[in-house]
N, C-alpha and C. Protein backbone atom coordinates (compact mmCIF):
# COMPACT_ATOMS: atom_id res chain seq x y z
N MET A 1 -177.37 113.02 55.22
CA MET A 1 -177.42 114.51 55.27
C MET A 1 -176.07 115.42 54.46
N HIS A 2 -176.07 116.16 53.53
CA HIS A 2 -175.33 116.98 52.63
C HIS A 2 -174.42 117.17 53.58
N ASP A 3 -173.24 117.52 52.83
CA ASP A 3 -171.91 118.78 54.02
C ASP A 3 -172.48 120.11 53.22
N ASN A 4 -172.54 120.52 54.57
CA ASN A 4 -173.37 122.16 54.74
C ASN A 4 -171.87 123.40 54.35
N THR A 5 -170.53 122.60 54.68
CA THR A 5 -169.59 123.46 54.60
C THR A 5 -168.71 123.29 53.02
N GLN A 6 -169.43 122.62 52.30
CA GLN A 6 -169.09 122.09 50.86
C GLN A 6 -168.38 123.95 50.00
N LYS A 7 -167.50 123.32 49.30
CA LYS A 7 -166.76 124.94 48.67
C LYS A 7 -168.11 125.36 47.66
N TYR A 8 -168.66 126.78 48.13
CA TYR A 8 -169.25 127.80 47.52
C TYR A 8 -168.81 129.11 47.42
N LYS A 9 -168.67 129.65 46.19
CA LYS A 9 -167.86 130.84 45.94
C LYS A 9 -168.86 131.67 45.14
N ARG A 10 -169.32 132.62 46.19
CA ARG A 10 -170.18 133.63 45.35
C ARG A 10 -169.57 134.23 44.43
N LYS A 11 -170.36 134.54 43.39
CA LYS A 11 -169.24 135.31 42.16
C LYS A 11 -169.96 136.95 42.19
N THR A 12 -170.93 137.33 42.92
CA THR A 12 -171.29 138.41 42.68
C THR A 12 -171.13 139.69 44.10
N LEU A 13 -170.48 140.86 43.68
CA LEU A 13 -170.08 141.28 45.16
C LEU A 13 -170.70 141.96 45.44
N TYR A 14 -171.92 142.50 44.95
CA TYR A 14 -173.13 143.13 45.67
C TYR A 14 -174.78 142.47 45.49
N ILE A 15 -174.47 141.89 46.72
CA ILE A 15 -175.89 140.68 46.80
C ILE A 15 -176.95 141.93 47.15
N LYS A 16 -177.19 142.59 48.16
CA LYS A 16 -178.00 143.28 48.34
C LYS A 16 -178.11 145.03 48.24
N LYS A 17 -177.54 145.41 46.80
CA LYS A 17 -177.08 146.37 47.28
C LYS A 17 -177.80 147.40 47.79
N ASP A 18 -179.00 147.88 47.83
CA ASP A 18 -179.56 148.58 48.52
C ASP A 18 -178.92 148.55 50.11
N PHE A 19 -179.22 147.03 50.65
CA PHE A 19 -178.71 147.08 52.08
C PHE A 19 -177.34 147.48 52.51
N GLN A 20 -176.41 146.99 51.61
CA GLN A 20 -175.13 147.39 51.41
C GLN A 20 -174.92 148.81 51.54
N PHE A 21 -175.29 149.12 50.57
CA PHE A 21 -175.56 150.71 50.15
C PHE A 21 -175.73 151.95 51.56
N LYS A 22 -176.41 151.07 52.38
CA LYS A 22 -177.32 152.04 53.65
C LYS A 22 -176.42 151.78 54.71
N PHE A 23 -176.34 150.28 54.63
CA PHE A 23 -175.00 149.96 55.66
C PHE A 23 -173.50 150.79 55.68
N ILE A 24 -172.96 150.89 54.38
CA ILE A 24 -172.07 151.89 54.36
C ILE A 24 -172.06 153.26 54.52
N LEU A 25 -173.26 153.62 54.00
CA LEU A 25 -173.80 155.30 54.30
C LEU A 25 -173.55 155.57 55.56
N LYS A 26 -174.06 154.78 56.11
CA LYS A 26 -174.59 154.66 57.62
C LYS A 26 -173.41 154.65 58.56
N PHE A 27 -172.09 154.09 57.96
CA PHE A 27 -170.84 154.05 58.61
C PHE A 27 -170.10 155.56 58.49
N CYS A 28 -170.51 155.73 57.19
CA CYS A 28 -169.71 157.24 57.03
C CYS A 28 -170.29 158.34 57.76
N LEU A 29 -171.72 158.40 57.73
CA LEU A 29 -172.20 159.40 58.47
C LEU A 29 -171.65 159.54 60.02
N ILE A 30 -171.55 158.53 60.44
CA ILE A 30 -171.24 158.44 62.07
C ILE A 30 -169.69 158.60 62.06
N LEU A 31 -169.07 158.56 61.11
CA LEU A 31 -167.74 159.12 60.93
C LEU A 31 -167.79 160.66 60.65
N LEU A 32 -168.07 160.87 59.65
CA LEU A 32 -168.58 162.39 59.86
C LEU A 32 -169.22 163.15 60.48
N ALA A 33 -170.30 162.79 61.71
CA ALA A 33 -170.85 163.30 62.73
C ALA A 33 -169.44 163.36 64.06
N GLY A 34 -168.53 162.36 63.89
CA GLY A 34 -167.58 162.27 64.88
C GLY A 34 -166.53 163.19 64.42
N VAL A 35 -166.36 163.46 63.34
CA VAL A 35 -165.38 164.45 62.81
C VAL A 35 -165.70 165.96 63.13
N LEU A 36 -167.31 166.37 62.82
CA LEU A 36 -167.92 167.39 63.53
C LEU A 36 -167.70 167.58 65.06
N ILE A 37 -168.32 166.73 65.29
CA ILE A 37 -168.08 166.79 67.01
C ILE A 37 -166.56 167.04 67.47
N SER A 38 -165.52 166.40 67.07
CA SER A 38 -164.14 166.50 67.22
C SER A 38 -163.63 167.94 67.28
N THR A 39 -163.81 168.23 65.87
CA THR A 39 -163.96 169.67 65.35
C THR A 39 -164.21 171.03 66.38
N GLY A 40 -165.76 170.55 66.54
CA GLY A 40 -166.51 171.46 67.27
C GLY A 40 -166.04 171.69 68.88
N LEU A 41 -165.59 170.41 69.46
CA LEU A 41 -164.88 170.55 70.57
C LEU A 41 -163.96 171.20 70.85
N LEU A 42 -162.87 171.10 69.82
CA LEU A 42 -161.40 171.35 69.93
C LEU A 42 -161.31 173.14 69.88
N PHE A 43 -162.59 173.57 68.71
CA PHE A 43 -163.12 174.76 68.59
C PHE A 43 -163.21 175.49 69.84
N LEU A 44 -164.23 175.04 70.73
CA LEU A 44 -165.06 175.50 71.82
C LEU A 44 -163.67 175.35 72.96
N PHE A 45 -163.02 174.58 73.33
CA PHE A 45 -162.09 174.59 74.09
C PHE A 45 -161.19 175.75 73.97
N SER A 46 -160.67 175.67 72.76
CA SER A 46 -159.65 176.43 72.80
C SER A 46 -159.65 178.04 72.61
N GLN A 47 -160.92 178.64 72.68
CA GLN A 47 -161.39 179.48 72.49
C GLN A 47 -161.14 180.72 73.39
N GLU A 48 -160.80 180.34 74.57
CA GLU A 48 -159.86 181.37 75.61
C GLU A 48 -158.76 181.35 75.78
N THR A 49 -157.70 180.73 74.52
CA THR A 49 -156.22 181.08 74.59
C THR A 49 -156.14 181.96 73.44
N LEU A 50 -155.12 182.32 73.85
CA LEU A 50 -154.26 182.98 72.46
C LEU A 50 -153.41 182.00 71.99
N THR A 51 -152.94 182.67 70.51
CA THR A 51 -152.01 181.86 69.97
C THR A 51 -150.98 183.04 69.09
N SER A 52 -149.85 182.64 68.91
CA SER A 52 -149.10 183.68 68.14
C SER A 52 -148.64 182.83 67.19
N SER A 53 -148.58 183.70 65.79
CA SER A 53 -147.77 182.93 64.32
C SER A 53 -147.16 184.24 63.63
N PHE A 54 -146.55 183.84 62.80
CA PHE A 54 -145.90 184.61 61.93
C PHE A 54 -146.86 184.66 60.60
N GLU A 55 -147.23 185.77 60.17
CA GLU A 55 -148.21 185.88 58.85
C GLU A 55 -147.59 186.71 58.05
N ASN A 56 -146.72 186.72 56.71
CA ASN A 56 -146.21 187.58 55.78
C ASN A 56 -145.09 188.59 56.87
N SER A 57 -144.22 187.49 57.07
CA SER A 57 -143.50 188.19 58.06
C SER A 57 -143.81 189.27 59.16
N ARG A 58 -144.93 189.04 59.99
CA ARG A 58 -145.74 190.12 60.86
C ARG A 58 -146.19 188.82 61.86
N LEU A 59 -145.70 189.22 63.20
CA LEU A 59 -146.09 188.73 64.26
C LEU A 59 -147.66 189.12 64.19
N VAL A 60 -148.28 188.05 64.45
CA VAL A 60 -149.91 187.93 64.76
C VAL A 60 -150.22 186.84 65.95
N ILE A 61 -151.00 187.88 66.76
CA ILE A 61 -151.70 187.22 67.86
C ILE A 61 -153.29 186.91 67.50
N LYS A 62 -153.57 185.73 67.84
CA LYS A 62 -155.08 185.30 67.27
C LYS A 62 -155.66 184.37 68.65
N ASN A 63 -156.97 184.35 68.54
CA ASN A 63 -157.97 183.40 69.15
C ASN A 63 -157.11 181.92 68.89
N THR A 64 -156.84 181.05 69.48
CA THR A 64 -156.35 179.97 69.15
C THR A 64 -157.43 179.13 68.35
N GLY A 65 -158.49 178.91 68.93
CA GLY A 65 -159.37 178.40 68.04
C GLY A 65 -159.55 178.90 66.30
N PHE A 66 -159.41 180.03 66.29
CA PHE A 66 -159.40 180.88 64.85
C PHE A 66 -158.20 180.67 64.24
N ALA A 67 -157.26 180.35 65.15
CA ALA A 67 -155.70 180.46 64.44
C ALA A 67 -155.59 178.97 63.54
N ILE A 68 -156.12 177.78 64.72
CA ILE A 68 -156.37 176.41 64.19
C ILE A 68 -157.04 175.58 63.49
N LEU A 69 -158.08 176.37 63.48
CA LEU A 69 -159.46 175.77 62.89
C LEU A 69 -159.25 175.64 61.48
N PRO A 70 -158.35 176.43 60.37
CA PRO A 70 -158.20 175.83 58.70
C PRO A 70 -157.25 174.57 58.96
N ALA A 71 -156.04 174.30 59.67
CA ALA A 71 -155.83 173.44 59.70
C ALA A 71 -156.23 172.06 60.11
N VAL A 72 -157.38 172.41 61.41
CA VAL A 72 -157.88 171.26 61.82
C VAL A 72 -159.14 170.91 61.08
N ILE A 73 -159.43 171.35 60.37
CA ILE A 73 -160.49 171.09 59.22
C ILE A 73 -159.74 170.20 58.25
N THR A 74 -158.59 170.93 57.46
CA THR A 74 -158.10 170.23 56.38
C THR A 74 -157.57 168.71 56.86
N THR A 75 -157.19 168.84 58.11
CA THR A 75 -156.27 167.48 58.45
C THR A 75 -157.54 166.65 58.72
N ASN A 76 -158.90 166.85 59.47
CA ASN A 76 -159.77 166.34 59.53
C ASN A 76 -160.63 165.63 58.30
N LEU A 77 -160.40 166.56 57.53
CA LEU A 77 -161.13 166.02 56.19
C LEU A 77 -160.53 164.87 55.27
N ILE A 78 -158.99 165.47 55.51
CA ILE A 78 -158.22 164.14 54.84
C ILE A 78 -158.33 162.73 55.34
N THR A 79 -158.13 162.86 57.03
CA THR A 79 -158.43 161.74 57.89
C THR A 79 -159.66 161.16 57.84
N LEU A 80 -160.66 162.02 57.33
CA LEU A 80 -162.03 161.41 56.96
C LEU A 80 -162.44 160.63 55.65
N GLY A 81 -161.35 161.17 54.76
CA GLY A 81 -161.98 160.67 53.47
C GLY A 81 -161.03 159.38 53.32
N ILE A 82 -159.52 159.48 53.80
CA ILE A 82 -159.14 157.94 53.85
C ILE A 82 -159.88 157.10 55.06
N ILE A 83 -160.43 157.30 56.11
CA ILE A 83 -161.24 156.27 56.83
C ILE A 83 -162.25 155.98 56.29
N CYS A 84 -163.06 156.81 55.24
CA CYS A 84 -164.53 156.39 54.59
C CYS A 84 -163.83 155.10 53.62
N ILE A 85 -162.91 155.81 52.64
CA ILE A 85 -162.79 154.77 52.10
C ILE A 85 -162.40 152.95 52.62
N ALA A 86 -161.49 153.07 53.66
CA ALA A 86 -161.48 152.25 54.24
C ALA A 86 -162.84 151.37 54.91
N VAL A 87 -163.49 152.17 55.02
CA VAL A 87 -164.39 151.76 56.06
C VAL A 87 -165.61 151.33 54.47
N ILE A 88 -165.46 152.06 53.57
CA ILE A 88 -166.15 151.43 52.54
C ILE A 88 -165.90 149.83 51.95
N PHE A 89 -164.34 149.56 52.18
CA PHE A 89 -164.07 148.41 51.77
C PHE A 89 -164.37 147.02 52.69
N VAL A 90 -164.24 147.82 54.19
CA VAL A 90 -164.49 146.96 55.63
C VAL A 90 -166.16 146.57 55.67
N THR A 91 -166.41 147.44 55.54
CA THR A 91 -168.12 147.21 55.72
C THR A 91 -168.56 146.57 54.26
N LEU A 92 -168.32 146.71 53.00
CA LEU A 92 -168.77 145.77 52.23
C LEU A 92 -168.10 144.42 52.31
N PHE A 93 -167.07 144.17 52.60
CA PHE A 93 -166.74 142.88 53.00
C PHE A 93 -167.76 142.28 54.20
N LEU A 94 -167.66 143.06 55.21
CA LEU A 94 -168.82 142.65 56.35
C LEU A 94 -170.49 142.35 55.99
N SER A 95 -170.60 143.23 55.31
CA SER A 95 -172.23 143.22 54.81
C SER A 95 -172.30 142.07 53.83
N HIS A 96 -171.46 141.78 53.16
CA HIS A 96 -170.91 140.76 52.19
C HIS A 96 -171.30 139.57 52.95
N ARG A 97 -170.57 139.52 53.91
CA ARG A 97 -170.62 137.93 54.92
C ARG A 97 -171.98 137.80 55.57
N ILE A 98 -172.80 139.01 55.37
CA ILE A 98 -174.33 138.87 56.04
C ILE A 98 -175.21 138.68 55.16
N ALA A 99 -175.04 139.69 54.06
CA ALA A 99 -176.23 139.74 53.37
C ALA A 99 -176.13 138.81 52.30
N GLY A 100 -174.80 138.27 52.12
CA GLY A 100 -174.67 136.78 50.98
C GLY A 100 -175.70 135.79 51.40
N PRO A 101 -175.43 135.51 52.54
CA PRO A 101 -176.07 134.22 53.44
C PRO A 101 -177.70 134.35 53.66
N MET A 102 -177.90 135.91 53.71
CA MET A 102 -179.25 136.04 53.78
C MET A 102 -179.86 135.97 52.41
N PHE A 103 -179.30 136.27 51.37
CA PHE A 103 -179.62 136.24 50.20
C PHE A 103 -180.17 134.99 49.78
N ARG A 104 -179.09 133.98 50.41
CA ARG A 104 -178.83 132.49 49.86
C ARG A 104 -180.06 131.67 50.71
N PHE A 105 -180.43 132.30 51.96
CA PHE A 105 -181.54 131.92 52.58
C PHE A 105 -183.07 132.06 51.73
N GLU A 106 -183.11 133.44 51.32
CA GLU A 106 -184.13 133.97 50.94
C GLU A 106 -184.39 133.16 49.74
N GLN A 107 -183.55 132.96 48.85
CA GLN A 107 -183.90 131.93 47.82
C GLN A 107 -184.05 130.61 48.24
N ASP A 108 -183.26 129.82 48.96
CA ASP A 108 -183.67 128.47 49.37
C ASP A 108 -184.99 128.40 50.25
N LEU A 109 -185.41 129.47 50.93
CA LEU A 109 -186.60 129.52 51.58
C LEU A 109 -187.72 129.54 50.95
N CYS A 110 -187.74 129.92 49.78
CA CYS A 110 -188.50 130.26 48.51
C CYS A 110 -188.53 128.85 48.11
N GLU A 111 -187.89 128.21 47.83
CA GLU A 111 -188.07 127.07 47.06
C GLU A 111 -188.64 125.92 48.10
N ILE A 112 -188.18 125.95 49.18
CA ILE A 112 -189.15 125.20 50.13
C ILE A 112 -190.34 125.55 50.79
N ALA A 113 -190.90 126.68 50.51
CA ALA A 113 -192.52 126.94 50.67
C ALA A 113 -192.93 126.52 49.63
N LYS A 114 -192.49 126.40 48.22
CA LYS A 114 -192.82 125.73 47.11
C LYS A 114 -193.40 124.34 47.17
N GLY A 115 -192.32 123.69 48.50
CA GLY A 115 -192.61 122.29 48.51
C GLY A 115 -191.52 121.56 47.95
N ASN A 116 -190.44 121.89 47.50
CA ASN A 116 -188.93 121.04 47.50
C ASN A 116 -188.68 121.23 48.60
N LEU A 117 -188.95 119.81 49.04
CA LEU A 117 -187.94 119.69 50.61
C LEU A 117 -186.49 118.72 50.36
N CYS A 118 -186.62 118.74 49.10
CA CYS A 118 -184.84 117.92 49.01
C CYS A 118 -183.83 119.33 48.69
N ILE A 119 -184.01 120.69 48.94
CA ILE A 119 -183.30 121.78 48.83
C ILE A 119 -182.41 121.86 50.14
N ARG A 120 -180.85 122.05 49.92
CA ARG A 120 -180.10 122.25 51.47
C ARG A 120 -179.27 123.38 51.32
N ILE A 121 -179.77 124.29 52.19
CA ILE A 121 -178.52 125.36 52.21
C ILE A 121 -177.40 124.95 52.39
N ASN A 122 -176.73 125.81 51.53
CA ASN A 122 -175.17 125.55 51.78
C ASN A 122 -174.54 126.89 51.50
N LEU A 123 -173.48 127.45 52.60
CA LEU A 123 -173.13 128.59 52.84
C LEU A 123 -171.51 128.32 52.74
N ARG A 124 -170.86 129.38 52.34
CA ARG A 124 -169.13 129.38 52.31
C ARG A 124 -168.77 129.13 53.50
N LYS A 125 -167.90 128.48 54.00
CA LYS A 125 -166.98 128.25 55.20
C LYS A 125 -167.26 129.41 56.42
N LYS A 126 -166.76 130.55 55.86
CA LYS A 126 -166.43 132.13 56.59
C LYS A 126 -167.83 132.46 56.74
N ASP A 127 -169.00 131.99 55.89
CA ASP A 127 -170.09 133.28 56.15
C ASP A 127 -170.77 133.14 57.35
N GLN A 128 -171.37 133.96 57.73
CA GLN A 128 -172.19 134.18 58.90
C GLN A 128 -173.38 133.23 58.95
N PHE A 129 -174.04 132.66 60.00
CA PHE A 129 -175.37 132.11 60.03
C PHE A 129 -175.19 130.42 59.42
N SER A 130 -174.13 130.03 59.62
CA SER A 130 -173.72 128.64 59.09
C SER A 130 -174.60 127.77 60.20
N GLU A 131 -175.01 128.02 61.57
CA GLU A 131 -175.17 127.26 62.21
C GLU A 131 -176.65 127.11 61.77
N MET A 132 -177.40 128.39 61.66
CA MET A 132 -178.91 128.19 60.92
C MET A 132 -179.29 127.71 60.04
N ALA A 133 -178.50 127.70 59.14
CA ALA A 133 -178.34 126.63 57.87
C ALA A 133 -178.18 125.27 58.23
N ILE A 134 -177.74 125.06 59.12
CA ILE A 134 -177.33 123.53 59.62
C ILE A 134 -179.08 123.06 60.16
N ALA A 135 -179.47 123.77 60.94
CA ALA A 135 -180.80 124.06 61.55
C ALA A 135 -181.73 123.81 60.94
N LEU A 136 -182.04 124.87 59.64
CA LEU A 136 -182.78 124.77 58.70
C LEU A 136 -183.19 123.45 57.79
N ASN A 137 -181.67 123.09 57.58
CA ASN A 137 -181.39 121.66 56.85
C ASN A 137 -181.93 120.79 57.53
N LYS A 138 -181.54 120.53 58.92
CA LYS A 138 -182.10 119.33 59.92
C LYS A 138 -183.81 119.72 59.91
N MET A 139 -184.49 120.88 59.89
CA MET A 139 -185.54 120.85 59.72
C MET A 139 -186.19 120.39 58.61
N THR A 140 -185.68 120.51 57.24
CA THR A 140 -186.27 120.47 56.05
C THR A 140 -186.32 118.98 55.95
N GLU A 141 -184.99 118.52 56.64
CA GLU A 141 -184.86 116.88 56.11
C GLU A 141 -185.95 116.16 56.96
N GLY A 142 -186.10 116.52 58.36
CA GLY A 142 -187.10 115.99 59.28
C GLY A 142 -188.63 116.18 58.65
N ILE A 143 -188.92 117.28 58.12
CA ILE A 143 -190.40 117.42 57.56
C ILE A 143 -190.27 116.25 56.18
N HIS A 144 -189.24 116.44 55.19
CA HIS A 144 -189.23 115.53 54.42
C HIS A 144 -189.23 114.10 54.84
N THR A 145 -189.03 113.91 55.82
CA THR A 145 -189.03 112.40 56.25
C THR A 145 -190.27 112.04 57.20
N LYS A 146 -190.82 113.06 57.63
CA LYS A 146 -192.18 112.74 58.29
C LYS A 146 -193.12 112.61 57.14
N LEU A 147 -193.03 113.74 55.94
CA LEU A 147 -193.81 113.59 54.95
C LEU A 147 -193.98 112.41 54.12
N SER A 148 -192.63 111.64 54.11
CA SER A 148 -192.56 110.50 53.45
C SER A 148 -193.28 109.23 54.09
N LEU A 149 -193.24 109.33 55.29
CA LEU A 149 -193.89 108.55 55.93
C LEU A 149 -195.57 108.51 55.80
N ILE A 150 -196.19 109.61 55.66
CA ILE A 150 -197.24 110.09 55.62
C ILE A 150 -197.61 109.86 54.43
N ASN A 151 -196.89 109.52 53.20
CA ASN A 151 -197.06 109.62 51.96
C ASN A 151 -196.97 107.85 51.45
N ASN A 152 -196.30 106.92 52.27
CA ASN A 152 -196.35 105.48 52.28
C ASN A 152 -197.76 105.27 53.06
N GLY A 153 -197.81 105.87 54.08
CA GLY A 153 -199.31 105.20 54.59
C GLY A 153 -200.30 105.42 53.68
N LEU A 154 -200.36 106.46 52.60
CA LEU A 154 -201.47 107.05 51.68
C LEU A 154 -201.51 105.74 50.57
N ASP A 155 -200.23 105.31 50.15
CA ASP A 155 -200.08 104.67 49.10
C ASP A 155 -200.57 103.28 49.84
N GLU A 156 -200.19 103.05 51.09
CA GLU A 156 -200.86 101.50 51.72
C GLU A 156 -202.23 101.71 51.58
N ILE A 157 -202.97 102.90 51.62
CA ILE A 157 -204.51 102.80 52.14
C ILE A 157 -205.10 102.55 50.56
N LEU A 158 -204.09 103.07 49.55
CA LEU A 158 -204.74 102.93 48.18
C LEU A 158 -204.78 101.72 47.42
N ALA A 159 -203.66 101.23 48.13
CA ALA A 159 -203.31 99.38 47.81
C ALA A 159 -204.66 98.63 48.35
N ILE A 160 -205.16 99.03 49.59
CA ILE A 160 -205.71 98.47 50.09
C ILE A 160 -207.30 98.88 49.60
N SER A 161 -207.76 99.52 49.08
CA SER A 161 -208.68 99.98 48.45
C SER A 161 -208.80 99.66 47.06
N ASP A 162 -207.72 99.59 46.19
CA ASP A 162 -207.68 98.59 45.32
C ASP A 162 -208.08 97.20 45.29
N LYS A 163 -207.85 96.58 46.93
CA LYS A 163 -208.07 95.58 46.57
C LYS A 163 -209.87 94.96 47.16
N LYS A 164 -210.26 96.24 47.19
CA LYS A 164 -211.79 96.45 47.55
C LYS A 164 -211.87 95.63 48.93
N THR A 165 -210.96 95.50 49.95
CA THR A 165 -210.96 94.83 51.15
C THR A 165 -212.17 95.30 52.10
N GLU A 166 -212.11 95.04 53.26
CA GLU A 166 -212.82 95.81 54.06
C GLU A 166 -213.07 96.87 54.68
N TYR A 167 -214.23 97.88 54.72
CA TYR A 167 -214.22 98.82 55.24
C TYR A 167 -213.23 98.95 56.36
N ASN A 168 -213.04 97.98 57.55
CA ASN A 168 -212.59 98.20 58.99
C ASN A 168 -210.84 98.11 58.83
N GLU A 169 -210.55 97.59 57.64
CA GLU A 169 -209.32 97.71 57.35
C GLU A 169 -208.76 98.65 56.96
N ARG A 170 -209.53 99.53 56.04
CA ARG A 170 -209.33 100.77 55.42
C ARG A 170 -209.18 102.03 56.55
N HIS A 171 -210.33 101.10 57.35
CA HIS A 171 -210.46 102.75 58.65
C HIS A 171 -209.42 102.40 59.58
N GLN A 172 -208.89 101.48 59.55
CA GLN A 172 -207.60 101.12 60.80
C GLN A 172 -206.72 101.68 60.21
N LYS A 173 -206.27 101.61 58.96
CA LYS A 173 -205.44 102.18 58.22
C LYS A 173 -204.86 103.80 58.70
N ILE A 174 -206.49 104.34 57.96
CA ILE A 174 -206.82 105.84 58.10
C ILE A 174 -206.34 106.36 59.69
N LEU A 175 -206.76 105.71 60.57
CA LEU A 175 -206.60 105.74 61.50
C LEU A 175 -204.93 105.62 62.29
N GLU A 176 -204.16 105.05 61.78
CA GLU A 176 -202.61 104.57 62.09
C GLU A 176 -202.20 106.08 61.29
N LEU A 177 -202.25 106.14 60.24
CA LEU A 177 -201.78 107.49 59.50
C LEU A 177 -202.08 108.88 60.32
N LYS A 178 -203.60 108.81 60.94
CA LYS A 178 -203.94 109.99 61.67
C LYS A 178 -202.97 109.78 62.94
N ASN A 179 -202.58 108.86 63.68
CA ASN A 179 -201.56 108.84 64.88
C ASN A 179 -200.43 109.58 64.17
N ILE A 180 -200.04 109.11 63.18
CA ILE A 180 -198.52 109.64 62.26
C ILE A 180 -198.88 110.77 62.72
N LEU A 181 -199.68 111.38 61.98
CA LEU A 181 -199.48 113.05 62.08
C LEU A 181 -199.56 113.51 63.16
N GLN A 182 -200.37 112.95 64.42
CA GLN A 182 -200.54 113.73 65.64
C GLN A 182 -199.20 113.59 66.32
N LYS A 183 -198.49 112.05 65.98
CA LYS A 183 -197.34 112.32 66.94
C LYS A 183 -196.18 113.18 66.41
N GLU A 184 -196.21 113.39 64.80
CA GLU A 184 -195.19 113.81 64.38
C GLU A 184 -195.26 115.39 64.35
N PHE A 185 -196.51 115.84 64.14
CA PHE A 185 -196.63 117.12 64.00
C PHE A 185 -197.43 118.02 65.07
N SER A 186 -197.31 118.94 65.51
CA SER A 186 -197.82 119.59 66.29
C SER A 186 -199.06 120.57 65.66
N LEU A 187 -200.17 120.14 65.50
CA LEU A 187 -201.33 120.88 64.74
C LEU A 187 -202.06 121.73 65.38
């Protein structure tokens, strides 16, 4: 069996652009919702208090919610911008660890579906789903082995047919092949 942890370096940063974009957008929207809820709650809970401040050399008394609202909005927008940038990089990195292997699975499974049972799924060491890749490789190897047994049985039947041997001998070989199929596969 091949080494599934061999060095494999992905060259493309955006594997599934649509998936990664939606993934990042959802995280940023959740952050925006959190900022809006936080600002709204702060404004709501500070409605019944008063704050004094100096504006243009005059002492002004205002409702606390209205007095702090501009500063809270500015602070939250700056915080939202910084966190969104961080979230974009973090989710891009994390989605790359998920989307990359899924893209690899998609490509290799299409090849296996076409009948290429020599394909082995190779992922990078730190990628997610490495256990699944090992299991799929074992499955493909098992199918390859079983189909090789069947193919060898068919070769034997052809060899018997070429010798123009008795019907019973060919019939016996076909029965053996059928038993192999029933033993190796759930049909």
